[in-house]
Amino acid sequence: MPYTPDLDRLLTPGAHFADQHATYVIEVHPVGDVVLPTGRVVGCDPVACPEDEPFTVGVAPGRYPARAWVAVVRGEDTEADRRVAALQLVIHDEPAVRWEMALVGDQELAALKPDGWFGYGVDTGIGTLADPTALAAFEAWDEDAVTDVFVADSPGDGPVPGHVAAVLDETTGANVVTVWSGWGDGCYGTWIGRGADGRVTSFVTDFMVVPGPA
C-alpha cells in the first residue's frame, strides 16, 4: 500500500521518536494565518515551483491558522538540531479520524508502487501550503527580492527553522508562510485529515524527519 506517515503520533506535542543516532522530541508552534481567497491549496517550494497545481480537494475561502511541528533533535542529552517535521494548515481544529493523500491533476493512488507517494519537489529547502493567488504574485517579484525574503543560509533565531510570512497579493491578502523542509531538498507528500463527518480538518505536509517504526 502507499506510504502513510503516523500523523496522529507526529502531531502530538512531546511525542518522542528515536533511532541509533538521536532522539526527536516534537514541539508545535503557530506560524501565522494563511489566507486562501480561492479556497484552493497548493503544496510547493514557492521559490522553485510557484506554478505547481493545487490539490484536487479544496475548502471554503477564508483565513486558516498554520502550525509548524518541529523535531528537537537531541544527542547525548543536549539539543543538537531543530528541524521542521511537518507543516499543518488547520481548517477545523478537531481530531482527524482518517487521512488521505493529497493529489493533484489526474494522479491516482492505484498507480503508486508499495510504499510510494505523490509529493511536491523542493529545490531551495523550503515548503509552504498556500493559495495559488499568492503564488501567482511571485511573477511580479524579481529573483533577488525572492531570495532576500525567502531563502536563508541559516535557520534564524526563532523556534521554527526558516519561518517566513509575507503578503504577496495586497488586494486579497493572499500570503505565503514558509518553513525549512525537514532535512532539505526532496519530494514531500501532503495528507488531508477528515473528521467523523467527512469534512476536511487539515492539510499536513510530512517532511520525513522522524524515524518510522522499527
N, C-alpha and C. Protein backbone atom coordinates (compact mmCIF):
# COMPACT_ATOMS: atom_id res chain seq x y z
N MET A 1 0.84 -1.19 0.00
CA MET A 1 0.00 0.00 0.00
C MET A 1 0.89 1.24 0.00
N PRO A 2 0.34 2.41 -0.36
CA PRO A 2 1.16 3.63 -0.40
C PRO A 2 1.70 3.99 0.98
N TYR A 3 2.78 4.74 0.98
CA TYR A 3 3.37 5.25 2.21
C TYR A 3 2.36 6.13 2.94
N THR A 4 2.21 5.89 4.22
CA THR A 4 1.34 6.72 5.05
C THR A 4 2.04 6.98 6.37
N PRO A 5 2.37 8.23 6.67
CA PRO A 5 3.02 8.52 7.94
C PRO A 5 2.05 8.38 9.11
N ASP A 6 2.59 8.20 10.29
CA ASP A 6 1.77 8.12 11.50
C ASP A 6 1.53 9.54 11.99
N LEU A 7 0.60 10.23 11.34
CA LEU A 7 0.38 11.64 11.64
C LEU A 7 -0.27 11.84 13.00
N ASP A 8 -1.07 10.90 13.45
CA ASP A 8 -1.68 11.04 14.77
C ASP A 8 -0.61 11.12 15.84
N ARG A 9 0.46 10.39 15.67
CA ARG A 9 1.56 10.44 16.64
C ARG A 9 2.46 11.65 16.39
N LEU A 10 2.75 11.92 15.12
CA LEU A 10 3.64 13.04 14.80
C LEU A 10 3.05 14.36 15.27
N LEU A 11 1.73 14.52 15.12
CA LEU A 11 1.08 15.78 15.51
C LEU A 11 0.67 15.75 16.97
N THR A 12 1.61 15.38 17.82
CA THR A 12 1.38 15.31 19.26
C THR A 12 2.52 16.01 19.98
N PRO A 13 2.26 17.14 20.65
CA PRO A 13 3.34 17.80 21.38
C PRO A 13 3.96 16.87 22.41
N GLY A 14 5.29 16.84 22.44
CA GLY A 14 6.00 15.98 23.38
C GLY A 14 6.25 14.57 22.91
N ALA A 15 5.74 14.22 21.74
CA ALA A 15 5.97 12.87 21.22
C ALA A 15 7.46 12.63 21.03
N HIS A 16 7.91 11.42 21.37
CA HIS A 16 9.32 11.05 21.27
C HIS A 16 9.50 10.01 20.16
N PHE A 17 10.53 10.20 19.37
CA PHE A 17 10.96 9.22 18.38
C PHE A 17 12.45 9.00 18.60
N ALA A 18 12.95 7.87 18.15
CA ALA A 18 14.37 7.59 18.37
C ALA A 18 14.90 6.67 17.29
N ASP A 19 16.18 6.83 16.97
CA ASP A 19 16.91 5.87 16.15
C ASP A 19 18.28 5.70 16.77
N GLN A 20 19.19 5.07 16.06
CA GLN A 20 20.50 4.77 16.64
C GLN A 20 21.36 6.01 16.80
N HIS A 21 20.93 7.12 16.20
CA HIS A 21 21.75 8.33 16.23
C HIS A 21 21.27 9.37 17.23
N ALA A 22 19.96 9.47 17.44
CA ALA A 22 19.43 10.57 18.25
C ALA A 22 18.00 10.29 18.68
N THR A 23 17.50 11.16 19.54
CA THR A 23 16.08 11.18 19.86
C THR A 23 15.47 12.46 19.28
N TYR A 24 14.17 12.41 19.03
CA TYR A 24 13.47 13.51 18.40
C TYR A 24 12.23 13.82 19.23
N VAL A 25 12.15 15.02 19.76
CA VAL A 25 11.04 15.42 20.60
C VAL A 25 10.24 16.50 19.86
N ILE A 26 8.94 16.29 19.76
CA ILE A 26 8.10 17.14 18.93
C ILE A 26 7.57 18.35 19.72
N GLU A 27 7.72 19.52 19.11
CA GLU A 27 7.12 20.76 19.60
C GLU A 27 6.16 21.28 18.53
N VAL A 28 5.14 22.03 18.94
CA VAL A 28 4.24 22.68 17.98
C VAL A 28 4.32 24.19 18.16
N HIS A 29 4.37 24.90 17.04
CA HIS A 29 4.48 26.35 17.07
C HIS A 29 3.54 26.96 16.04
N PRO A 30 2.71 27.94 16.44
CA PRO A 30 1.91 28.66 15.45
C PRO A 30 2.82 29.50 14.57
N VAL A 31 2.54 29.53 13.27
CA VAL A 31 3.37 30.29 12.34
C VAL A 31 2.55 31.30 11.54
N GLY A 32 1.35 31.62 12.04
CA GLY A 32 0.53 32.64 11.41
C GLY A 32 -0.60 32.05 10.59
N ASP A 33 -1.52 32.93 10.20
CA ASP A 33 -2.65 32.51 9.38
C ASP A 33 -2.28 32.51 7.90
N VAL A 34 -2.91 31.61 7.16
CA VAL A 34 -2.78 31.55 5.70
C VAL A 34 -4.10 31.98 5.10
N VAL A 35 -4.05 32.97 4.22
CA VAL A 35 -5.25 33.49 3.57
C VAL A 35 -5.46 32.76 2.25
N LEU A 36 -6.65 32.17 2.11
CA LEU A 36 -7.00 31.41 0.90
C LEU A 36 -8.16 32.10 0.20
N PRO A 37 -7.90 33.03 -0.69
CA PRO A 37 -9.00 33.73 -1.37
C PRO A 37 -9.85 32.81 -2.23
N THR A 38 -9.26 31.77 -2.79
CA THR A 38 -9.99 30.86 -3.67
C THR A 38 -10.42 29.57 -2.96
N GLY A 39 -9.82 29.28 -1.81
CA GLY A 39 -10.09 28.02 -1.13
C GLY A 39 -9.30 26.86 -1.69
N ARG A 40 -8.49 27.12 -2.71
CA ARG A 40 -7.62 26.07 -3.24
C ARG A 40 -6.28 26.11 -2.50
N VAL A 41 -5.65 24.95 -2.37
CA VAL A 41 -4.41 24.82 -1.62
C VAL A 41 -3.34 24.21 -2.50
N VAL A 42 -2.18 24.84 -2.52
CA VAL A 42 -1.02 24.34 -3.24
C VAL A 42 0.06 24.01 -2.22
N GLY A 43 0.62 22.82 -2.32
CA GLY A 43 1.82 22.47 -1.57
C GLY A 43 3.00 22.55 -2.50
N CYS A 44 4.02 23.35 -2.14
CA CYS A 44 5.13 23.52 -3.07
C CYS A 44 6.32 24.18 -2.40
N ASP A 45 7.43 24.19 -3.11
CA ASP A 45 8.55 25.07 -2.84
C ASP A 45 8.22 26.36 -3.59
N PRO A 46 7.85 27.44 -2.89
CA PRO A 46 7.34 28.61 -3.60
C PRO A 46 8.38 29.35 -4.42
N VAL A 47 9.65 29.15 -4.10
CA VAL A 47 10.71 29.82 -4.87
C VAL A 47 10.99 29.05 -6.15
N ALA A 48 11.07 27.73 -6.05
CA ALA A 48 11.43 26.92 -7.21
C ALA A 48 10.24 26.60 -8.10
N CYS A 49 9.06 26.36 -7.50
CA CYS A 49 7.91 25.87 -8.29
C CYS A 49 6.61 26.54 -7.88
N PRO A 50 6.50 27.87 -7.98
CA PRO A 50 5.24 28.52 -7.60
C PRO A 50 4.08 28.18 -8.52
N GLU A 51 4.39 27.59 -9.68
CA GLU A 51 3.34 27.25 -10.63
C GLU A 51 2.75 25.87 -10.39
N ASP A 52 3.13 25.17 -9.33
CA ASP A 52 2.58 23.85 -9.05
C ASP A 52 1.06 23.90 -8.95
N GLU A 53 0.41 22.79 -9.31
CA GLU A 53 -1.05 22.72 -9.31
C GLU A 53 -1.61 22.64 -7.89
N PRO A 54 -2.82 23.15 -7.68
CA PRO A 54 -3.48 22.97 -6.38
C PRO A 54 -3.97 21.53 -6.22
N PHE A 55 -4.17 21.14 -4.99
CA PHE A 55 -4.72 19.82 -4.71
C PHE A 55 -6.15 19.74 -5.24
N THR A 56 -6.58 18.53 -5.52
CA THR A 56 -7.93 18.33 -6.04
C THR A 56 -8.99 18.62 -4.98
N VAL A 57 -8.64 18.56 -3.71
CA VAL A 57 -9.56 18.87 -2.62
C VAL A 57 -9.33 20.31 -2.17
N GLY A 58 -10.39 21.09 -2.17
CA GLY A 58 -10.32 22.47 -1.69
C GLY A 58 -11.20 22.66 -0.48
N VAL A 59 -11.21 23.91 0.02
CA VAL A 59 -12.01 24.25 1.20
C VAL A 59 -12.70 25.59 0.93
N ALA A 60 -13.49 26.06 1.86
CA ALA A 60 -14.13 27.36 1.71
C ALA A 60 -13.07 28.46 1.78
N PRO A 61 -13.17 29.48 0.95
CA PRO A 61 -12.23 30.60 1.06
C PRO A 61 -12.24 31.16 2.49
N GLY A 62 -11.09 31.59 2.94
CA GLY A 62 -11.01 32.13 4.30
C GLY A 62 -9.59 32.25 4.79
N ARG A 63 -9.45 32.45 6.08
CA ARG A 63 -8.16 32.59 6.76
C ARG A 63 -8.02 31.43 7.74
N TYR A 64 -6.92 30.70 7.62
CA TYR A 64 -6.73 29.50 8.42
C TYR A 64 -5.37 29.48 9.10
N PRO A 65 -5.32 29.03 10.36
CA PRO A 65 -4.04 29.01 11.08
C PRO A 65 -3.11 27.90 10.58
N ALA A 66 -1.83 28.20 10.58
CA ALA A 66 -0.81 27.21 10.22
C ALA A 66 0.03 26.91 11.45
N ARG A 67 0.50 25.68 11.51
CA ARG A 67 1.33 25.23 12.63
C ARG A 67 2.55 24.50 12.08
N ALA A 68 3.68 24.76 12.70
CA ALA A 68 4.90 24.01 12.38
C ALA A 68 5.14 23.02 13.51
N TRP A 69 5.32 21.77 13.12
CA TRP A 69 5.65 20.72 14.08
C TRP A 69 7.15 20.47 13.98
N VAL A 70 7.86 20.89 15.02
CA VAL A 70 9.32 20.93 14.99
C VAL A 70 9.88 19.77 15.80
N ALA A 71 10.82 19.06 15.20
CA ALA A 71 11.53 17.98 15.91
C ALA A 71 12.80 18.55 16.51
N VAL A 72 12.88 18.51 17.83
CA VAL A 72 14.11 18.88 18.53
C VAL A 72 14.99 17.65 18.57
N VAL A 73 16.09 17.71 17.87
CA VAL A 73 16.98 16.55 17.74
C VAL A 73 17.99 16.59 18.87
N ARG A 74 18.02 15.53 19.67
CA ARG A 74 18.90 15.50 20.84
C ARG A 74 19.88 14.33 20.74
N GLY A 75 21.12 14.63 21.06
CA GLY A 75 22.15 13.61 21.16
C GLY A 75 22.96 13.84 22.41
N GLU A 76 23.22 12.81 23.15
CA GLU A 76 23.97 12.95 24.41
C GLU A 76 23.31 13.96 25.34
N ASP A 77 21.97 13.95 25.38
CA ASP A 77 21.19 14.78 26.30
C ASP A 77 21.29 16.27 26.02
N THR A 78 21.75 16.67 24.87
CA THR A 78 21.81 18.09 24.52
C THR A 78 21.12 18.30 23.17
N GLU A 79 20.58 19.50 22.97
CA GLU A 79 19.93 19.82 21.70
C GLU A 79 21.00 19.97 20.63
N ALA A 80 20.91 19.14 19.59
CA ALA A 80 21.89 19.18 18.52
C ALA A 80 21.38 19.90 17.29
N ASP A 81 20.05 19.92 17.13
CA ASP A 81 19.49 20.49 15.90
C ASP A 81 17.99 20.67 16.10
N ARG A 82 17.41 21.47 15.22
CA ARG A 82 15.95 21.63 15.16
C ARG A 82 15.54 21.53 13.69
N ARG A 83 14.56 20.70 13.41
CA ARG A 83 14.10 20.51 12.04
C ARG A 83 12.57 20.50 12.02
N VAL A 84 12.00 21.12 10.99
CA VAL A 84 10.55 21.11 10.86
C VAL A 84 10.13 19.74 10.33
N ALA A 85 9.38 19.03 11.14
CA ALA A 85 8.94 17.68 10.76
C ALA A 85 7.67 17.71 9.93
N ALA A 86 6.84 18.73 10.14
CA ALA A 86 5.57 18.82 9.39
C ALA A 86 5.06 20.25 9.41
N LEU A 87 4.36 20.61 8.35
CA LEU A 87 3.65 21.89 8.26
C LEU A 87 2.17 21.58 8.13
N GLN A 88 1.37 22.16 9.01
CA GLN A 88 -0.06 21.86 9.06
C GLN A 88 -0.87 23.13 8.81
N LEU A 89 -1.84 23.03 7.93
CA LEU A 89 -2.81 24.09 7.70
C LEU A 89 -4.13 23.61 8.30
N VAL A 90 -4.58 24.28 9.37
CA VAL A 90 -5.75 23.81 10.13
C VAL A 90 -7.02 24.44 9.56
N ILE A 91 -7.92 23.60 9.11
CA ILE A 91 -9.20 24.06 8.57
C ILE A 91 -10.29 24.01 9.64
N HIS A 92 -10.37 22.92 10.34
CA HIS A 92 -11.26 22.77 11.50
C HIS A 92 -10.42 22.15 12.62
N ASP A 93 -10.37 22.80 13.75
CA ASP A 93 -9.49 22.36 14.83
C ASP A 93 -10.14 21.24 15.62
N GLU A 94 -10.13 20.07 15.02
CA GLU A 94 -10.67 18.87 15.64
C GLU A 94 -9.87 17.68 15.16
N PRO A 95 -9.90 16.57 15.90
CA PRO A 95 -9.09 15.42 15.50
C PRO A 95 -9.53 14.84 14.16
N ALA A 96 -8.57 14.38 13.41
CA ALA A 96 -8.86 13.66 12.17
C ALA A 96 -9.09 12.19 12.51
N VAL A 97 -10.11 11.63 11.91
CA VAL A 97 -10.37 10.20 12.13
C VAL A 97 -9.76 9.37 11.00
N ARG A 98 -9.41 10.03 9.88
CA ARG A 98 -8.72 9.33 8.81
C ARG A 98 -7.91 10.33 7.99
N TRP A 99 -6.92 9.80 7.29
CA TRP A 99 -6.04 10.62 6.47
C TRP A 99 -6.02 10.07 5.05
N GLU A 100 -5.98 10.98 4.09
CA GLU A 100 -5.87 10.58 2.69
C GLU A 100 -4.77 11.40 2.03
N MET A 101 -4.07 10.81 1.09
CA MET A 101 -3.00 11.51 0.40
C MET A 101 -3.59 12.61 -0.48
N ALA A 102 -3.02 13.80 -0.41
CA ALA A 102 -3.46 14.89 -1.27
C ALA A 102 -2.94 14.65 -2.69
N LEU A 103 -3.82 14.82 -3.66
CA LEU A 103 -3.48 14.56 -5.06
C LEU A 103 -3.67 15.83 -5.88
N VAL A 104 -2.98 15.88 -7.02
CA VAL A 104 -3.18 16.97 -7.97
C VAL A 104 -3.46 16.36 -9.34
N GLY A 105 -4.17 17.14 -10.19
CA GLY A 105 -4.40 16.71 -11.56
C GLY A 105 -5.06 15.35 -11.66
N ASP A 106 -4.46 14.47 -12.48
CA ASP A 106 -5.03 13.15 -12.70
C ASP A 106 -4.29 12.05 -11.93
N GLN A 107 -3.60 12.41 -10.87
CA GLN A 107 -2.91 11.40 -10.07
C GLN A 107 -3.90 10.39 -9.49
N GLU A 108 -3.48 9.13 -9.47
CA GLU A 108 -4.31 8.07 -8.92
C GLU A 108 -3.47 7.21 -7.98
N LEU A 109 -4.03 6.92 -6.81
CA LEU A 109 -3.31 6.11 -5.83
C LEU A 109 -2.96 4.74 -6.38
N ALA A 110 -3.80 4.21 -7.25
CA ALA A 110 -3.56 2.88 -7.81
C ALA A 110 -2.27 2.82 -8.62
N ALA A 111 -1.77 3.96 -9.06
CA ALA A 111 -0.55 3.99 -9.87
C ALA A 111 0.70 3.92 -9.03
N LEU A 112 0.57 4.05 -7.73
CA LEU A 112 1.74 4.07 -6.86
C LEU A 112 2.25 2.65 -6.58
N LYS A 113 3.56 2.54 -6.49
CA LYS A 113 4.16 1.29 -6.04
C LYS A 113 4.03 1.19 -4.53
N PRO A 114 4.23 -0.01 -3.95
CA PRO A 114 4.18 -0.14 -2.50
C PRO A 114 5.14 0.84 -1.82
N ASP A 115 4.64 1.50 -0.79
CA ASP A 115 5.40 2.50 -0.02
C ASP A 115 5.72 3.75 -0.84
N GLY A 116 5.09 3.94 -1.99
CA GLY A 116 5.29 5.14 -2.77
C GLY A 116 4.34 6.25 -2.33
N TRP A 117 4.61 7.47 -2.81
CA TRP A 117 3.73 8.59 -2.50
C TRP A 117 3.87 9.66 -3.58
N PHE A 118 2.84 10.47 -3.70
CA PHE A 118 2.90 11.66 -4.53
C PHE A 118 3.27 12.84 -3.64
N GLY A 119 4.13 13.68 -4.14
CA GLY A 119 4.53 14.84 -3.35
C GLY A 119 5.03 15.95 -4.24
N TYR A 120 5.44 17.02 -3.62
CA TYR A 120 5.98 18.15 -4.37
C TYR A 120 7.49 18.23 -4.18
N GLY A 121 8.15 18.70 -5.23
CA GLY A 121 9.60 18.78 -5.19
C GLY A 121 10.08 20.05 -4.51
N VAL A 122 11.14 19.92 -3.73
CA VAL A 122 11.77 21.05 -3.06
C VAL A 122 13.21 21.17 -3.55
N ASP A 123 13.56 22.36 -4.04
CA ASP A 123 14.91 22.61 -4.55
C ASP A 123 15.62 23.73 -3.82
N THR A 124 14.91 24.51 -3.00
CA THR A 124 15.57 25.60 -2.25
C THR A 124 15.43 25.41 -0.74
N GLY A 125 15.01 24.22 -0.31
CA GLY A 125 14.99 23.90 1.11
C GLY A 125 13.83 24.46 1.89
N ILE A 126 12.76 24.94 1.22
CA ILE A 126 11.60 25.46 1.94
C ILE A 126 10.32 24.90 1.35
N GLY A 127 9.27 24.90 2.18
CA GLY A 127 7.97 24.43 1.72
C GLY A 127 6.87 25.33 2.25
N THR A 128 5.71 25.26 1.60
CA THR A 128 4.57 26.06 2.01
C THR A 128 3.27 25.36 1.63
N LEU A 129 2.19 25.82 2.23
CA LEU A 129 0.82 25.47 1.83
C LEU A 129 0.12 26.81 1.62
N ALA A 130 -0.23 27.12 0.37
CA ALA A 130 -0.70 28.47 0.05
C ALA A 130 -1.73 28.45 -1.06
N ASP A 131 -2.42 29.57 -1.20
CA ASP A 131 -3.40 29.75 -2.27
C ASP A 131 -2.65 30.08 -3.56
N PRO A 132 -3.14 29.59 -4.71
CA PRO A 132 -2.48 29.93 -5.97
C PRO A 132 -2.47 31.43 -6.26
N THR A 133 -3.39 32.18 -5.67
CA THR A 133 -3.38 33.63 -5.85
C THR A 133 -2.07 34.23 -5.33
N ALA A 134 -1.64 33.78 -4.17
CA ALA A 134 -0.39 34.27 -3.60
C ALA A 134 0.80 33.85 -4.44
N LEU A 135 0.79 32.61 -4.89
CA LEU A 135 1.93 32.10 -5.64
C LEU A 135 2.05 32.78 -7.00
N ALA A 136 0.91 33.11 -7.60
CA ALA A 136 0.95 33.81 -8.89
C ALA A 136 1.58 35.18 -8.76
N ALA A 137 1.49 35.77 -7.56
CA ALA A 137 2.06 37.10 -7.35
C ALA A 137 3.59 37.09 -7.40
N PHE A 138 4.19 35.92 -7.30
CA PHE A 138 5.65 35.83 -7.42
C PHE A 138 6.13 36.31 -8.79
N GLU A 139 5.25 36.28 -9.77
CA GLU A 139 5.65 36.71 -11.11
C GLU A 139 6.08 38.17 -11.13
N ALA A 140 5.59 38.94 -10.16
CA ALA A 140 5.95 40.36 -10.10
C ALA A 140 7.23 40.60 -9.29
N TRP A 141 7.77 39.57 -8.70
CA TRP A 141 8.98 39.72 -7.89
C TRP A 141 10.19 39.35 -8.74
N ASP A 142 11.27 40.11 -8.56
CA ASP A 142 12.50 39.70 -9.25
C ASP A 142 13.23 38.67 -8.39
N GLU A 143 14.16 37.98 -9.00
CA GLU A 143 14.83 36.86 -8.34
C GLU A 143 15.55 37.29 -7.07
N ASP A 144 16.19 38.45 -7.09
CA ASP A 144 16.91 38.90 -5.91
C ASP A 144 15.97 39.15 -4.73
N ALA A 145 14.80 39.73 -5.02
CA ALA A 145 13.84 40.01 -3.95
C ALA A 145 13.33 38.72 -3.34
N VAL A 146 13.01 37.74 -4.17
CA VAL A 146 12.54 36.45 -3.67
C VAL A 146 13.60 35.80 -2.79
N THR A 147 14.83 35.80 -3.26
CA THR A 147 15.92 35.20 -2.50
C THR A 147 16.13 35.91 -1.17
N ASP A 148 16.09 37.23 -1.19
CA ASP A 148 16.32 38.00 0.04
C ASP A 148 15.27 37.71 1.10
N VAL A 149 14.02 37.53 0.68
CA VAL A 149 12.94 37.34 1.64
C VAL A 149 12.80 35.89 2.08
N PHE A 150 12.90 34.95 1.14
CA PHE A 150 12.51 33.58 1.44
C PHE A 150 13.65 32.57 1.56
N VAL A 151 14.82 32.90 1.08
CA VAL A 151 15.92 31.93 1.09
C VAL A 151 17.01 32.42 2.03
N ALA A 152 17.32 31.62 3.03
CA ALA A 152 18.33 31.99 4.02
C ALA A 152 19.33 30.86 4.19
N ASP A 153 20.57 31.22 4.53
CA ASP A 153 21.61 30.22 4.77
C ASP A 153 21.57 29.68 6.18
N SER A 154 20.88 30.37 7.09
CA SER A 154 20.78 29.93 8.47
C SER A 154 19.32 29.90 8.88
N PRO A 155 18.97 29.13 9.90
CA PRO A 155 17.56 28.97 10.27
C PRO A 155 16.95 30.18 10.95
N GLY A 156 17.74 31.13 11.39
CA GLY A 156 17.21 32.27 12.13
C GLY A 156 17.20 32.00 13.62
N ASP A 157 16.74 33.00 14.37
CA ASP A 157 16.80 32.90 15.83
C ASP A 157 15.55 32.31 16.47
N GLY A 158 14.48 32.16 15.72
CA GLY A 158 13.23 31.68 16.30
C GLY A 158 13.20 30.18 16.47
N PRO A 159 12.11 29.68 17.06
CA PRO A 159 11.99 28.24 17.31
C PRO A 159 11.69 27.41 16.07
N VAL A 160 11.26 28.08 14.97
CA VAL A 160 10.89 27.36 13.75
C VAL A 160 11.89 27.67 12.65
N PRO A 161 12.72 26.73 12.26
CA PRO A 161 13.73 26.98 11.22
C PRO A 161 13.10 27.45 9.91
N GLY A 162 13.60 28.56 9.39
CA GLY A 162 13.17 29.04 8.08
C GLY A 162 11.80 29.68 8.04
N HIS A 163 11.24 30.04 9.19
CA HIS A 163 9.89 30.61 9.19
C HIS A 163 9.89 32.01 8.60
N VAL A 164 9.12 32.20 7.54
CA VAL A 164 8.92 33.50 6.91
C VAL A 164 7.44 33.62 6.57
N ALA A 165 6.87 34.80 6.78
CA ALA A 165 5.49 35.07 6.38
C ALA A 165 5.45 36.39 5.65
N ALA A 166 4.83 36.41 4.47
CA ALA A 166 4.77 37.63 3.68
C ALA A 166 3.49 37.66 2.87
N VAL A 167 2.83 38.83 2.86
CA VAL A 167 1.66 39.03 2.00
C VAL A 167 2.16 39.30 0.59
N LEU A 168 1.66 38.54 -0.38
CA LEU A 168 2.12 38.67 -1.76
C LEU A 168 1.09 39.32 -2.67
N ASP A 169 -0.18 39.27 -2.28
CA ASP A 169 -1.22 39.90 -3.09
C ASP A 169 -1.99 40.86 -2.19
N GLU A 170 -1.73 42.15 -2.32
CA GLU A 170 -2.32 43.14 -1.43
C GLU A 170 -3.83 43.22 -1.59
N THR A 171 -4.34 42.96 -2.75
CA THR A 171 -5.78 43.08 -2.99
C THR A 171 -6.58 42.07 -2.18
N THR A 172 -6.13 40.83 -2.16
CA THR A 172 -6.86 39.77 -1.46
C THR A 172 -6.27 39.44 -0.10
N GLY A 173 -5.03 39.88 0.15
CA GLY A 173 -4.34 39.50 1.38
C GLY A 173 -3.68 38.14 1.31
N ALA A 174 -3.71 37.51 0.13
CA ALA A 174 -3.10 36.18 -0.02
C ALA A 174 -1.62 36.24 0.34
N ASN A 175 -1.20 35.29 1.15
CA ASN A 175 0.17 35.32 1.67
C ASN A 175 0.83 33.95 1.54
N VAL A 176 2.10 33.94 1.86
CA VAL A 176 2.87 32.70 1.88
C VAL A 176 3.57 32.60 3.22
N VAL A 177 3.40 31.46 3.87
CA VAL A 177 4.11 31.14 5.11
C VAL A 177 5.04 29.97 4.80
N THR A 178 6.33 30.17 4.99
CA THR A 178 7.28 29.11 4.67
C THR A 178 8.01 28.62 5.91
N VAL A 179 8.49 27.39 5.81
CA VAL A 179 9.38 26.80 6.81
C VAL A 179 10.44 25.99 6.08
N TRP A 180 11.52 25.71 6.78
CA TRP A 180 12.51 24.81 6.19
C TRP A 180 11.90 23.42 6.04
N SER A 181 12.20 22.78 4.94
CA SER A 181 11.61 21.48 4.62
C SER A 181 12.46 20.35 5.20
N GLY A 182 12.29 20.09 6.48
CA GLY A 182 12.98 18.98 7.12
C GLY A 182 14.48 19.05 7.00
N TRP A 183 15.06 18.03 6.36
CA TRP A 183 16.50 17.98 6.17
C TRP A 183 16.94 18.71 4.91
N GLY A 184 15.98 19.22 4.12
CA GLY A 184 16.36 19.97 2.92
C GLY A 184 15.57 19.55 1.70
N ASP A 185 16.24 19.53 0.56
CA ASP A 185 15.56 19.26 -0.70
C ASP A 185 15.07 17.81 -0.77
N GLY A 186 14.03 17.61 -1.55
CA GLY A 186 13.47 16.26 -1.69
C GLY A 186 12.09 16.33 -2.28
N CYS A 187 11.33 15.26 -2.07
CA CYS A 187 9.95 15.18 -2.53
C CYS A 187 9.08 14.84 -1.32
N TYR A 188 8.15 15.73 -1.00
CA TYR A 188 7.40 15.61 0.25
C TYR A 188 5.90 15.54 -0.02
N GLY A 189 5.27 14.55 0.59
CA GLY A 189 3.84 14.36 0.42
C GLY A 189 3.02 15.16 1.41
N THR A 190 1.78 15.42 1.03
CA THR A 190 0.83 16.11 1.89
C THR A 190 -0.38 15.20 2.08
N TRP A 191 -0.91 15.20 3.30
CA TRP A 191 -2.08 14.38 3.61
C TRP A 191 -3.20 15.27 4.10
N ILE A 192 -4.42 14.85 3.81
CA ILE A 192 -5.62 15.59 4.19
C ILE A 192 -6.32 14.82 5.30
N GLY A 193 -6.53 15.49 6.42
CA GLY A 193 -7.28 14.89 7.51
C GLY A 193 -8.76 15.15 7.37
N ARG A 194 -9.56 14.17 7.73
CA ARG A 194 -11.01 14.33 7.70
C ARG A 194 -11.60 13.94 9.05
N GLY A 195 -12.61 14.70 9.46
CA GLY A 195 -13.29 14.42 10.72
C GLY A 195 -14.32 13.32 10.57
N ALA A 196 -15.02 13.05 11.66
CA ALA A 196 -16.02 11.98 11.66
C ALA A 196 -17.14 12.26 10.67
N ASP A 197 -17.41 13.54 10.41
CA ASP A 197 -18.46 13.90 9.47
C ASP A 197 -17.96 14.01 8.03
N GLY A 198 -16.68 13.71 7.81
CA GLY A 198 -16.12 13.72 6.47
C GLY A 198 -15.53 15.03 6.03
N ARG A 199 -15.72 16.09 6.79
CA ARG A 199 -15.19 17.38 6.35
C ARG A 199 -13.69 17.47 6.59
N VAL A 200 -13.04 18.30 5.82
CA VAL A 200 -11.59 18.45 5.92
C VAL A 200 -11.23 19.14 7.23
N THR A 201 -10.30 18.55 7.97
CA THR A 201 -9.81 19.16 9.21
C THR A 201 -8.47 19.87 9.00
N SER A 202 -7.61 19.31 8.15
CA SER A 202 -6.32 19.96 7.92
C SER A 202 -5.60 19.35 6.74
N PHE A 203 -4.60 20.10 6.27
CA PHE A 203 -3.62 19.62 5.30
C PHE A 203 -2.29 19.55 6.04
N VAL A 204 -1.56 18.45 5.88
CA VAL A 204 -0.29 18.28 6.58
C VAL A 204 0.77 17.77 5.61
N THR A 205 1.84 18.54 5.46
CA THR A 205 2.99 18.07 4.70
C THR A 205 3.98 17.42 5.66
N ASP A 206 4.34 16.18 5.36
CA ASP A 206 5.30 15.41 6.17
C ASP A 206 6.69 15.59 5.56
N PHE A 207 7.61 16.20 6.31
CA PHE A 207 8.96 16.41 5.81
C PHE A 207 9.91 15.26 6.14
N MET A 208 9.35 14.17 6.64
CA MET A 208 10.08 12.91 6.78
C MET A 208 11.37 13.08 7.60
N VAL A 209 11.21 13.69 8.75
CA VAL A 209 12.34 13.93 9.65
C VAL A 209 12.48 12.81 10.68
N VAL A 210 11.36 12.44 11.30
CA VAL A 210 11.45 11.48 12.39
C VAL A 210 11.52 10.07 11.86
N PRO A 211 12.18 9.16 12.57
CA PRO A 211 12.25 7.78 12.09
C PRO A 211 10.91 7.08 12.20
N GLY A 212 10.70 6.12 11.32
CA GLY A 212 9.47 5.33 11.33
C GLY A 212 9.57 4.21 12.34
N PRO A 213 8.55 3.36 12.39
CA PRO A 213 8.58 2.23 13.33
C PRO A 213 9.77 1.32 13.03
N ALA A 214 10.29 0.76 14.08
CA ALA A 214 11.43 -0.16 13.94
C ALA A 214 10.98 -1.43 13.22
